[in-house]
Structures are given as structure tokens and as C-alpha cells.
Amino acid sequence: MIILKSQVEAIASRKDNTLKITLGTQELAPSDCGQMFGLMNKLCTVGISANDLEKEDIETLQNAKLNIDDVPNGKSPSQRLRSVLFVYWQQHKTGFDDFNAFYTDYIEKKINQIKSKLEQ
């Protein structure tokens, strides 16, 4: 676990109702920088407080479960699906030169298939 002093620099809402939070840290030791880069694109537990974290807060964070412990590589099911679709897009002629366009089209078709099966 890494505990950092940081400042919330920006908060932005996303289309899927999630938030993007940008944090600015104080100067980090090289080992902490390496650990941070190792967390890139990984689902993490984050605790934010305007005060110093107490021992109980740290224990709570250390014991937090994200419900993805059994998922290979710590990826959520949606992250795994996106990764598999990327490989599929690379290996097959899909009519799309851009993966994001392919992904959006594919997911939209799947959403519509499921919606068509819903009771009115």
C-alpha cells in the first residue's frame, strides 16, 4: 500500500456516470514512483481524507475487498471483455480501422440485442 500526500486538482464526470479524479502529489521517492506506475490501469482501493489517515483508516483500506480477487490479472469482467475484443479486432477483418469505433459499434449491437429481449 502506498500512502501519499496529494491535492485534488481536477474532477470530471464521464458518460458512464463515473468520475475521473486528478491528483497532484508531493515529490515522490523513486521507489514510490515505480509502485505508482505499477498500478497503472489497475482497479485500486483509494482512501481520501482532508486529515491524516488514522491507523484504523489504514487498516480499513488494507482489508477492503473489491470483489475481483478471483479475476485473473485483477481485471474486471468489462476490462477483460474489452481486451478480448481488441485481440479479435486485430485478428479479423471487421471493417473498422479504429478499435474504439469497432468497440462502440460492437457493444451497441449487443446492448440492442439484449434490449430487444426485455419485456415491455
Protein backbone atom coordinates (compact mmCIF):
# COMPACT_ATOMS: atom_id res chain seq x y z
CA MET A 1 0.00 0.00 0.00
CA ILE A 2 1.19 3.49 -0.82
CA ILE A 3 0.12 6.45 1.30
CA LEU A 4 0.63 9.80 -0.42
CA LYS A 5 0.06 13.41 0.44
CA SER A 6 -1.73 14.87 -2.56
CA GLN A 7 -4.10 17.55 -3.71
CA VAL A 8 -7.26 17.03 -5.74
CA GLU A 9 -6.52 19.09 -8.87
CA ALA A 10 -9.49 18.21 -11.07
CA ILE A 11 -12.71 16.23 -11.07
CA ALA A 12 -14.59 15.40 -14.27
CA SER A 13 -17.75 13.37 -14.81
CA ARG A 14 -17.86 10.75 -17.53
CA LYS A 15 -20.65 9.48 -19.77
CA ASP A 16 -20.94 6.24 -17.79
CA ASN A 17 -21.57 8.20 -14.54
CA THR A 18 -18.07 7.52 -13.19
CA LEU A 19 -15.65 10.23 -12.12
CA LYS A 20 -12.13 10.98 -13.23
CA ILE A 21 -10.13 12.43 -10.35
CA THR A 22 -6.73 14.01 -10.97
CA LEU A 23 -4.37 14.09 -8.00
CA GLY A 24 -1.14 16.05 -7.72
CA THR A 25 1.36 14.53 -5.31
CA GLN A 26 4.25 15.98 -3.43
CA GLU A 27 7.67 14.91 -4.65
CA LEU A 28 7.92 11.11 -4.53
CA ALA A 29 10.81 8.79 -3.88
CA PRO A 30 11.82 6.76 -6.96
CA SER A 31 10.52 3.56 -5.34
CA ASP A 32 7.09 5.16 -4.77
CA CYS A 33 7.05 6.38 -8.38
CA GLY A 34 7.77 2.84 -9.55
CA GLN A 35 4.96 1.47 -7.41
CA MET A 36 2.55 4.08 -8.79
CA PHE A 37 3.43 3.23 -12.39
CA GLY A 38 2.89 -0.43 -11.49
CA LEU A 39 -0.70 0.42 -10.56
CA MET A 40 -1.49 1.95 -13.95
CA ASN A 41 -4.81 0.65 -15.33
CA LYS A 42 -5.43 -1.49 -12.24
CA LEU A 43 -8.51 -1.33 -10.06
CA CYS A 44 -7.38 0.05 -6.69
CA THR A 45 -8.89 0.92 -3.35
CA VAL A 46 -8.44 4.61 -2.61
CA GLY A 47 -8.98 6.47 0.64
CA ILE A 48 -9.20 10.25 0.57
CA SER A 49 -9.25 12.41 3.68
CA ALA A 50 -8.58 16.08 4.34
CA ASN A 51 -6.79 14.92 7.51
CA ASP A 52 -4.02 12.44 8.12
CA LEU A 53 -5.18 8.83 7.92
CA GLU A 54 -5.53 7.22 11.32
CA LYS A 55 -4.34 3.67 11.98
CA GLU A 56 -7.96 2.43 11.81
CA ASP A 57 -8.41 4.12 8.39
CA ILE A 58 -5.30 2.42 7.05
CA GLU A 59 -6.45 -0.98 8.35
CA THR A 60 -9.85 -0.46 6.72
CA LEU A 61 -8.18 0.29 3.37
CA GLN A 62 -5.85 -2.69 3.69
CA ASN A 63 -8.79 -5.01 4.37
CA ALA A 64 -11.07 -3.60 1.65
CA LYS A 65 -12.28 -6.15 -0.90
CA LEU A 66 -13.02 -5.12 -4.46
CA ASN A 67 -14.87 -8.34 -5.33
CA ILE A 68 -12.44 -9.10 -8.15
CA ASP A 69 -9.96 -11.19 -6.16
CA ASP A 70 -10.68 -14.25 -8.30
CA VAL A 71 -10.36 -12.42 -11.62
CA PRO A 72 -7.08 -13.11 -13.49
CA ASN A 73 -4.72 -10.13 -13.59
CA GLY A 74 -7.06 -8.16 -11.33
CA LYS A 75 -9.19 -7.05 -14.28
CA SER A 76 -12.93 -6.54 -14.05
CA PRO A 77 -15.14 -8.55 -16.43
CA SER A 78 -15.69 -5.48 -18.61
CA GLN A 79 -11.93 -4.86 -18.83
CA ARG A 80 -11.40 -8.48 -19.81
CA LEU A 81 -14.11 -8.24 -22.48
CA ARG A 82 -12.57 -5.09 -23.94
CA SER A 83 -9.14 -6.78 -24.06
CA VAL A 84 -10.53 -9.85 -25.81
CA LEU A 85 -12.43 -7.69 -28.30
CA PHE A 86 -9.21 -5.80 -29.06
CA VAL A 87 -7.43 -9.05 -29.94
CA TYR A 88 -10.44 -10.13 -32.02
CA TRP A 89 -10.37 -6.77 -33.86
CA GLN A 90 -6.65 -7.20 -34.58
CA GLN A 91 -7.05 -10.74 -35.90
CA HIS A 92 -10.19 -10.34 -38.03
CA LYS A 93 -11.24 -8.01 -40.79
CA THR A 94 -14.02 -6.05 -39.11
CA GLY A 95 -14.44 -3.10 -41.47
CA PHE A 96 -13.12 -0.70 -38.83
CA ASP A 97 -9.70 0.95 -38.98
CA ASP A 98 -10.08 2.26 -35.42
CA PHE A 99 -10.58 -0.04 -32.42
CA ASN A 100 -12.70 2.46 -30.49
CA ALA A 101 -15.15 2.70 -33.38
CA PHE A 102 -15.30 -1.11 -33.59
CA TYR A 103 -15.76 -1.42 -29.82
CA THR A 104 -18.57 1.17 -29.72
CA ASP A 105 -20.37 -0.47 -32.65
CA TYR A 106 -19.98 -3.98 -31.19
CA ILE A 107 -21.18 -3.01 -27.73
CA GLU A 108 -24.12 -1.02 -29.13
CA LYS A 109 -25.24 -4.07 -31.13
CA LYS A 110 -25.02 -6.27 -28.02
CA ILE A 111 -26.98 -3.74 -25.98
CA ASN A 112 -29.71 -3.62 -28.63
CA GLN A 113 -29.84 -7.44 -28.79
CA ILE A 114 -30.40 -7.65 -25.06
CA LYS A 115 -32.88 -4.75 -25.04
CA SER A 116 -34.92 -6.48 -27.73
CA LYS A 117 -35.37 -9.45 -25.40
CA LEU A 118 -36.62 -7.38 -22.46
CA GLU A 119 -40.26 -7.40 -21.52
CA GLN A 120 -42.04 -4.15 -22.26
